[in-house]
Amino acid sequence: MLRLHFLNALTWSSIHYVGLGFLLKAQSQNRFLVHHFMKHYHYSSNDGGGAIAEAFTKWDLIYNLSMCMTY
């Protein structure tokens, strides 16, 4: 049982520090999250504000989930 808890903590720590780090790097270099939402979801033409707001909302959700699971 201790092994399972250790693996769970290791997995979530890796997701939090490494996975989210790569995601932030991709977002800062080429706006990965915003482009993802613009490509895969419908927004009215020239309405990048909706995609930006939704990308931030999803980022906040992922970050808070990983933070809760890490601590």
PDB file of N, CA and C in Angstrom:
ATOM      1  N   MET A   1       0.821  -1.191   0.000  1.00  0.00           N
ATOM      2  CA  MET A   1       0.000   0.000   0.000  1.00  0.00           C
ATOM      3  C   MET A   1       0.868   1.258   0.000  1.00  0.00           C
ATOM      4  N   LEU A   2       1.969   1.203   0.697  1.00  0.00           N
ATOM      5  CA  LEU A   2       2.876   2.352   0.739  1.00  0.00           C
ATOM      6  C   LEU A   2       3.442   2.636  -0.655  1.00  0.00           C
ATOM      7  N   ARG A   3       3.703   1.580  -1.411  1.00  0.00           N
ATOM      8  CA  ARG A   3       4.217   1.732  -2.767  1.00  0.00           C
ATOM      9  C   ARG A   3       3.210   2.486  -3.649  1.00  0.00           C
ATOM     10  N   LEU A   4       1.935   2.169  -3.486  1.00  0.00           N
ATOM     11  CA  LEU A   4       0.891   2.838  -4.265  1.00  0.00           C
ATOM     12  C   LEU A   4       0.829   4.331  -3.940  1.00  0.00           C
ATOM     13  N   HIS A   5       0.928   4.677  -2.672  1.00  0.00           N
ATOM     14  CA  HIS A   5       0.917   6.088  -2.280  1.00  0.00           C
ATOM     15  C   HIS A   5       2.140   6.823  -2.827  1.00  0.00           C
ATOM     16  N   PHE A   6       3.280   6.153  -2.783  1.00  0.00           N
ATOM     17  CA  PHE A   6       4.499   6.762  -3.317  1.00  0.00           C
ATOM     18  C   PHE A   6       4.377   7.003  -4.817  1.00  0.00           C
ATOM     19  N   LEU A   7       3.880   6.008  -5.554  1.00  0.00           N
ATOM     20  CA  LEU A   7       3.726   6.160  -7.001  1.00  0.00           C
ATOM     21  C   LEU A   7       2.707   7.242  -7.350  1.00  0.00           C
ATOM     22  N   ASN A   8       1.648   7.335  -6.579  1.00  0.00           N
ATOM     23  CA  ASN A   8       0.653   8.379  -6.800  1.00  0.00           C
ATOM     24  C   ASN A   8       1.279   9.762  -6.589  1.00  0.00           C
ATOM     25  N   ALA A   9       2.018   9.924  -5.505  1.00  0.00           N
ATOM     26  CA  ALA A   9       2.670  11.206  -5.229  1.00  0.00           C
ATOM     27  C   ALA A   9       3.711  11.536  -6.292  1.00  0.00           C
ATOM     28  N   LEU A  10       4.462  10.540  -6.716  1.00  0.00           N
ATOM     29  CA  LEU A  10       5.478  10.758  -7.747  1.00  0.00           C
ATOM     30  C   LEU A  10       4.841  11.140  -9.082  1.00  0.00           C
ATOM     31  N   THR A  11       3.765  10.472  -9.443  1.00  0.00           N
ATOM     32  CA  THR A  11       3.076  10.780 -10.699  1.00  0.00           C
ATOM     33  C   THR A  11       2.523  12.194 -10.705  1.00  0.00           C
ATOM     34  N   TRP A  12       1.814  12.575  -9.645  1.00  0.00           N
ATOM     35  CA  TRP A  12       1.232  13.915  -9.610  1.00  0.00           C
ATOM     36  C   TRP A  12       2.287  15.007  -9.507  1.00  0.00           C
ATOM     37  N   SER A  13       3.373  14.724  -8.799  1.00  0.00           N
ATOM     38  CA  SER A  13       4.464  15.704  -8.743  1.00  0.00           C
ATOM     39  C   SER A  13       5.100  15.884 -10.114  1.00  0.00           C
ATOM     40  N   SER A  14       5.266  14.791 -10.845  1.00  0.00           N
ATOM     41  CA  SER A  14       5.818  14.885 -12.199  1.00  0.00           C
ATOM     42  C   SER A  14       4.892  15.658 -13.120  1.00  0.00           C
ATOM     43  N   ILE A  15       3.597  15.393 -13.034  1.00  0.00           N
ATOM     44  CA  ILE A  15       2.632  16.136 -13.851  1.00  0.00           C
ATOM     45  C   ILE A  15       2.673  17.618 -13.496  1.00  0.00           C
ATOM     46  N   HIS A  16       2.719  17.908 -12.207  1.00  0.00           N
ATOM     47  CA  HIS A  16       2.669  19.303 -11.768  1.00  0.00           C
ATOM     48  C   HIS A  16       3.917  20.071 -12.199  1.00  0.00           C
ATOM     49  N   TYR A  17       5.084  19.512 -11.970  1.00  0.00           N
ATOM     50  CA  TYR A  17       6.310  20.258 -12.227  1.00  0.00           C
ATOM     51  C   TYR A  17       6.786  20.136 -13.672  1.00  0.00           C
ATOM     52  N   VAL A  18       6.780  18.940 -14.230  1.00  0.00           N
ATOM     53  CA  VAL A  18       7.309  18.739 -15.579  1.00  0.00           C
ATOM     54  C   VAL A  18       6.235  19.012 -16.634  1.00  0.00           C
ATOM     55  N   GLY A  19       5.080  18.370 -16.485  1.00  0.00           N
ATOM     56  CA  GLY A  19       4.022  18.514 -17.484  1.00  0.00           C
ATOM     57  C   GLY A  19       3.529  19.934 -17.621  1.00  0.00           C
ATOM     58  N   LEU A  20       3.239  20.576 -16.511  1.00  0.00           N
ATOM     59  CA  LEU A  20       2.767  21.955 -16.564  1.00  0.00           C
ATOM     60  C   LEU A  20       3.879  22.913 -16.971  1.00  0.00           C
ATOM     61  N   GLY A  21       5.115  22.553 -16.674  1.00  0.00           N
ATOM     62  CA  GLY A  21       6.247  23.371 -17.124  1.00  0.00           C
ATOM     63  C   GLY A  21       6.356  23.376 -18.638  1.00  0.00           C
ATOM     64  N   PHE A  22       6.224  22.197 -19.262  1.00  0.00           N
ATOM     65  CA  PHE A  22       6.243  22.128 -20.721  1.00  0.00           C
ATOM     66  C   PHE A  22       5.052  22.860 -21.328  1.00  0.00           C
ATOM     67  N   LEU A  23       3.899  22.739 -20.682  1.00  0.00           N
ATOM     68  CA  LEU A  23       2.708  23.428 -21.179  1.00  0.00           C
ATOM     69  C   LEU A  23       2.879  24.946 -21.120  1.00  0.00           C
ATOM     70  N   LEU A  24       3.432  25.450 -20.031  1.00  0.00           N
ATOM     71  CA  LEU A  24       3.680  26.894 -19.925  1.00  0.00           C
ATOM     72  C   LEU A  24       4.716  27.369 -20.938  1.00  0.00           C
ATOM     73  N   LYS A  25       5.741  26.555 -21.171  1.00  0.00           N
ATOM     74  CA  LYS A  25       6.752  26.922 -22.155  1.00  0.00           C
ATOM     75  C   LYS A  25       6.140  26.992 -23.555  1.00  0.00           C
ATOM     76  N   ALA A  26       5.309  25.994 -23.903  1.00  0.00           N
ATOM     77  CA  ALA A  26       4.649  25.999 -25.211  1.00  0.00           C
ATOM     78  C   ALA A  26       3.700  27.187 -25.338  1.00  0.00           C
ATOM     79  N   GLN A  27       3.019  27.529 -24.256  1.00  0.00           N
ATOM     80  CA  GLN A  27       2.100  28.670 -24.284  1.00  0.00           C
ATOM     81  C   GLN A  27       2.870  29.978 -24.470  1.00  0.00           C
ATOM     82  N   SER A  28       3.994  30.118 -23.805  1.00  0.00           N
ATOM     83  CA  SER A  28       4.729  31.374 -23.906  1.00  0.00           C
ATOM     84  C   SER A  28       5.443  31.518 -25.248  1.00  0.00           C
ATOM     85  N   GLN A  29       5.840  30.411 -25.864  1.00  0.00           N
ATOM     86  CA  GLN A  29       6.558  30.508 -27.131  1.00  0.00           C
ATOM     87  C   GLN A  29       5.632  30.646 -28.338  1.00  0.00           C
ATOM     88  N   ASN A  30       4.515  29.888 -28.354  1.00  0.00           N
ATOM     89  CA  ASN A  30       3.666  29.952 -29.547  1.00  0.00           C
ATOM     90  C   ASN A  30       2.171  29.933 -29.238  1.00  0.00           C
ATOM     91  N   ARG A  31       1.802  30.322 -28.034  1.00  0.00           N
ATOM     92  CA  ARG A  31       0.386  30.423 -27.636  1.00  0.00           C
ATOM     93  C   ARG A  31      -0.359  29.102 -27.870  1.00  0.00           C
ATOM     94  N   PHE A  32       0.209  28.027 -27.378  1.00  0.00           N
ATOM     95  CA  PHE A  32      -0.308  26.686 -27.627  1.00  0.00           C
ATOM     96  C   PHE A  32      -1.763  26.525 -27.203  1.00  0.00           C
ATOM     97  N   LEU A  33      -2.100  26.934 -25.988  1.00  0.00           N
ATOM     98  CA  LEU A  33      -3.471  26.740 -25.506  1.00  0.00           C
ATOM     99  C   LEU A  33      -4.477  27.565 -26.296  1.00  0.00           C
ATOM    100  N   VAL A  34      -4.144  28.796 -26.585  1.00  0.00           N
ATOM    101  CA  VAL A  34      -5.068  29.656 -27.321  1.00  0.00           C
ATOM    102  C   VAL A  34      -5.276  29.109 -28.731  1.00  0.00           C
ATOM    103  N   HIS A  35      -4.200  28.689 -29.384  1.00  0.00           N
ATOM    104  CA  HIS A  35      -4.337  28.121 -30.724  1.00  0.00           C
ATOM    105  C   HIS A  35      -5.143  26.831 -30.698  1.00  0.00           C
ATOM    106  N   HIS A  36      -4.992  26.042 -29.650  1.00  0.00           N
ATOM    107  CA  HIS A  36      -5.772  24.810 -29.518  1.00  0.00           C
ATOM    108  C   HIS A  36      -7.267  25.118 -29.468  1.00  0.00           C
ATOM    109  N   PHE A  37      -7.651  26.085 -28.657  1.00  0.00           N
ATOM    110  CA  PHE A  37      -9.065  26.420 -28.537  1.00  0.00           C
ATOM    111  C   PHE A  37      -9.591  27.093 -29.804  1.00  0.00           C
ATOM    112  N   MET A  38      -8.773  27.888 -30.468  1.00  0.00           N
ATOM    113  CA  MET A  38      -9.212  28.513 -31.720  1.00  0.00           C
ATOM    114  C   MET A  38      -9.407  27.469 -32.814  1.00  0.00           C
ATOM    115  N   LYS A  39      -8.578  26.431 -32.820  1.00  0.00           N
ATOM    116  CA  LYS A  39      -8.635  25.411 -33.866  1.00  0.00           C
ATOM    117  C   LYS A  39      -9.776  24.411 -33.645  1.00  0.00           C
ATOM    118  N   HIS A  40      -9.982  23.980 -32.407  1.00  0.00           N
ATOM    119  CA  HIS A  40     -10.891  22.874 -32.138  1.00  0.00           C
ATOM    120  C   HIS A  40     -12.281  23.273 -31.655  1.00  0.00           C
ATOM    121  N   TYR A  41     -12.502  24.535 -31.362  1.00  0.00           N
ATOM    122  CA  TYR A  41     -13.807  24.979 -30.877  1.00  0.00           C
ATOM    123  C   TYR A  41     -14.269  26.177 -31.691  1.00  0.00           C
ATOM    124  N   HIS A  42     -15.560  26.368 -31.764  1.00  0.00           N
ATOM    125  CA  HIS A  42     -16.104  27.435 -32.598  1.00  0.00           C
ATOM    126  C   HIS A  42     -16.139  28.761 -31.825  1.00  0.00           C
ATOM    127  N   TYR A  43     -15.533  29.753 -32.429  1.00  0.00           N
ATOM    128  CA  TYR A  43     -15.610  31.133 -31.945  1.00  0.00           C
ATOM    129  C   TYR A  43     -15.946  31.994 -33.145  1.00  0.00           C
ATOM    130  N   SER A  44     -16.661  33.061 -32.928  1.00  0.00           N
ATOM    131  CA  SER A  44     -16.967  33.937 -34.055  1.00  0.00           C
ATOM    132  C   SER A  44     -15.664  34.514 -34.606  1.00  0.00           C
ATOM    133  N   SER A  45     -15.687  34.888 -35.860  1.00  0.00           N
ATOM    134  CA  SER A  45     -14.471  35.373 -36.504  1.00  0.00           C
ATOM    135  C   SER A  45     -13.918  36.589 -35.764  1.00  0.00           C
ATOM    136  N   ASN A  46     -12.615  36.613 -35.640  1.00  0.00           N
ATOM    137  CA  ASN A  46     -11.881  37.692 -34.964  1.00  0.00           C
ATOM    138  C   ASN A  46     -12.255  37.843 -33.494  1.00  0.00           C
ATOM    139  N   ASP A  47     -12.763  36.770 -32.896  1.00  0.00           N
ATOM    140  CA  ASP A  47     -13.075  36.824 -31.466  1.00  0.00           C
ATOM    141  C   ASP A  47     -12.057  35.986 -30.711  1.00  0.00           C
ATOM    142  N   GLY A  48     -10.843  36.493 -30.608  1.00  0.00           N
ATOM    143  CA  GLY A  48      -9.811  35.787 -29.876  1.00  0.00           C
ATOM    144  C   GLY A  48      -9.982  35.902 -28.379  1.00  0.00           C
ATOM    145  N   GLY A  49     -10.765  36.876 -27.922  1.00  0.00           N
ATOM    146  CA  GLY A  49     -10.951  37.080 -26.489  1.00  0.00           C
ATOM    147  C   GLY A  49     -11.646  35.911 -25.822  1.00  0.00           C
ATOM    148  N   GLY A  50     -12.606  35.297 -26.517  1.00  0.00           N
ATOM    149  CA  GLY A  50     -13.302  34.141 -25.958  1.00  0.00           C
ATOM    150  C   GLY A  50     -12.371  32.954 -25.795  1.00  0.00           C
ATOM    151  N   ALA A  51     -11.511  32.747 -26.786  1.00  0.00           N
ATOM    152  CA  ALA A  51     -10.551  31.645 -26.724  1.00  0.00           C
ATOM    153  C   ALA A  51      -9.524  31.887 -25.620  1.00  0.00           C
ATOM    154  N   ILE A  52      -9.105  33.126 -25.465  1.00  0.00           N
ATOM    155  CA  ILE A  52      -8.121  33.446 -24.425  1.00  0.00           C
ATOM    156  C   ILE A  52      -8.727  33.222 -23.047  1.00  0.00           C
ATOM    157  N   ALA A  53      -9.959  33.662 -22.865  1.00  0.00           N
ATOM    158  CA  ALA A  53     -10.619  33.476 -21.573  1.00  0.00           C
ATOM    159  C   ALA A  53     -10.844  32.000 -21.279  1.00  0.00           C
ATOM    160  N   GLU A  54     -11.252  31.234 -22.279  1.00  0.00           N
ATOM    161  CA  GLU A  54     -11.478  29.806 -22.057  1.00  0.00           C
ATOM    162  C   GLU A  54     -10.167  29.066 -21.818  1.00  0.00           C
ATOM    163  N   ALA A  55      -9.107  29.443 -22.534  1.00  0.00           N
ATOM    164  CA  ALA A  55      -7.800  28.825 -22.326  1.00  0.00           C
ATOM    165  C   ALA A  55      -7.315  29.086 -20.900  1.00  0.00           C
ATOM    166  N   PHE A  56      -7.499  30.313 -20.411  1.00  0.00           N
ATOM    167  CA  PHE A  56      -7.085  30.611 -19.045  1.00  0.00           C
ATOM    168  C   PHE A  56      -7.925  29.847 -18.031  1.00  0.00           C
ATOM    169  N   THR A  57      -9.227  29.720 -18.280  1.00  0.00           N
ATOM    170  CA  THR A  57     -10.097  28.974 -17.369  1.00  0.00           C
ATOM    171  C   THR A  57      -9.677  27.515 -17.286  1.00  0.00           C
ATOM    172  N   LYS A  58      -9.371  26.917 -18.435  1.00  0.00           N
ATOM    173  CA  LYS A  58      -8.935  25.515 -18.447  1.00  0.00           C
ATOM    174  C   LYS A  58      -7.565  25.359 -17.799  1.00  0.00           C
ATOM    175  N   TRP A  59      -6.670  26.316 -18.045  1.00  0.00           N
ATOM    176  CA  TRP A  59      -5.361  26.267 -17.402  1.00  0.00           C
ATOM    177  C   TRP A  59      -5.510  26.334 -15.886  1.00  0.00           C
ATOM    178  N   ASP A  60      -6.363  27.231 -15.413  1.00  0.00           N
ATOM    179  CA  ASP A  60      -6.605  27.386 -13.984  1.00  0.00           C
ATOM    180  C   ASP A  60      -7.154  26.086 -13.381  1.00  0.00           C
ATOM    181  N   LEU A  61      -8.047  25.436 -14.092  1.00  0.00           N
ATOM    182  CA  LEU A  61      -8.612  24.173 -13.618  1.00  0.00           C
ATOM    183  C   LEU A  61      -7.539  23.091 -13.519  1.00  0.00           C
ATOM    184  N   ILE A  62      -6.718  22.951 -14.554  1.00  0.00           N
ATOM    185  CA  ILE A  62      -5.651  21.935 -14.555  1.00  0.00           C
ATOM    186  C   ILE A  62      -4.630  22.227 -13.463  1.00  0.00           C
ATOM    187  N   TYR A  63      -4.252  23.489 -13.325  1.00  0.00           N
ATOM    188  CA  TYR A  63      -3.272  23.865 -12.310  1.00  0.00           C
ATOM    189  C   TYR A  63      -3.800  23.593 -10.899  1.00  0.00           C
ATOM    190  N   ASN A  64      -5.031  23.971 -10.638  1.00  0.00           N
ATOM    191  CA  ASN A  64      -5.594  23.753  -9.307  1.00  0.00           C
ATOM    192  C   ASN A  64      -5.753  22.268  -8.995  1.00  0.00           C
ATOM    193  N   LEU A  65      -6.140  21.464  -9.983  1.00  0.00           N
ATOM    194  CA  LEU A  65      -6.235  20.019  -9.776  1.00  0.00           C
ATOM    195  C   LEU A  65      -4.860  19.433  -9.438  1.00  0.00           C
ATOM    196  N   SER A  66      -3.847  19.798 -10.203  1.00  0.00           N
ATOM    197  CA  SER A  66      -2.523  19.252  -9.925  1.00  0.00           C
ATOM    198  C   SER A  66      -1.973  19.754  -8.600  1.00  0.00           C
ATOM    199  N   MET A  67      -2.282  20.990  -8.231  1.00  0.00           N
ATOM    200  CA  MET A  67      -1.846  21.514  -6.944  1.00  0.00           C
ATOM    201  C   MET A  67      -2.496  20.755  -5.795  1.00  0.00           C
ATOM    202  N   CYS A  68      -3.792  20.486  -5.902  1.00  0.00           N
ATOM    203  CA  CYS A  68      -4.485  19.736  -4.850  1.00  0.00           C
ATOM    204  C   CYS A  68      -3.961  18.311  -4.755  1.00  0.00           C
ATOM    205  N   MET A  69      -3.684  17.690  -5.874  1.00  0.00           N
ATOM    206  CA  MET A  69      -3.212  16.308  -5.863  1.00  0.00           C
ATOM    207  C   MET A  69      -1.760  16.206  -5.421  1.00  0.00           C
ATOM    208  N   THR A  70      -0.999  17.289  -5.583  1.00  0.00           N
ATOM    209  CA  THR A  70       0.400  17.268  -5.164  1.00  0.00           C
ATOM    210  C   THR A  70       0.537  17.437  -3.655  1.00  0.00           C
ATOM    211  N   TYR A  71      -0.313  18.279  -3.058  1.00  0.00           N
ATOM    212  CA  TYR A  71      -0.187  18.544  -1.629  1.00  0.00           C
ATOM    213  C   TYR A  71      -1.194  17.825  -0.856  1.00  0.00           C
TER     214      TYR A  71
END
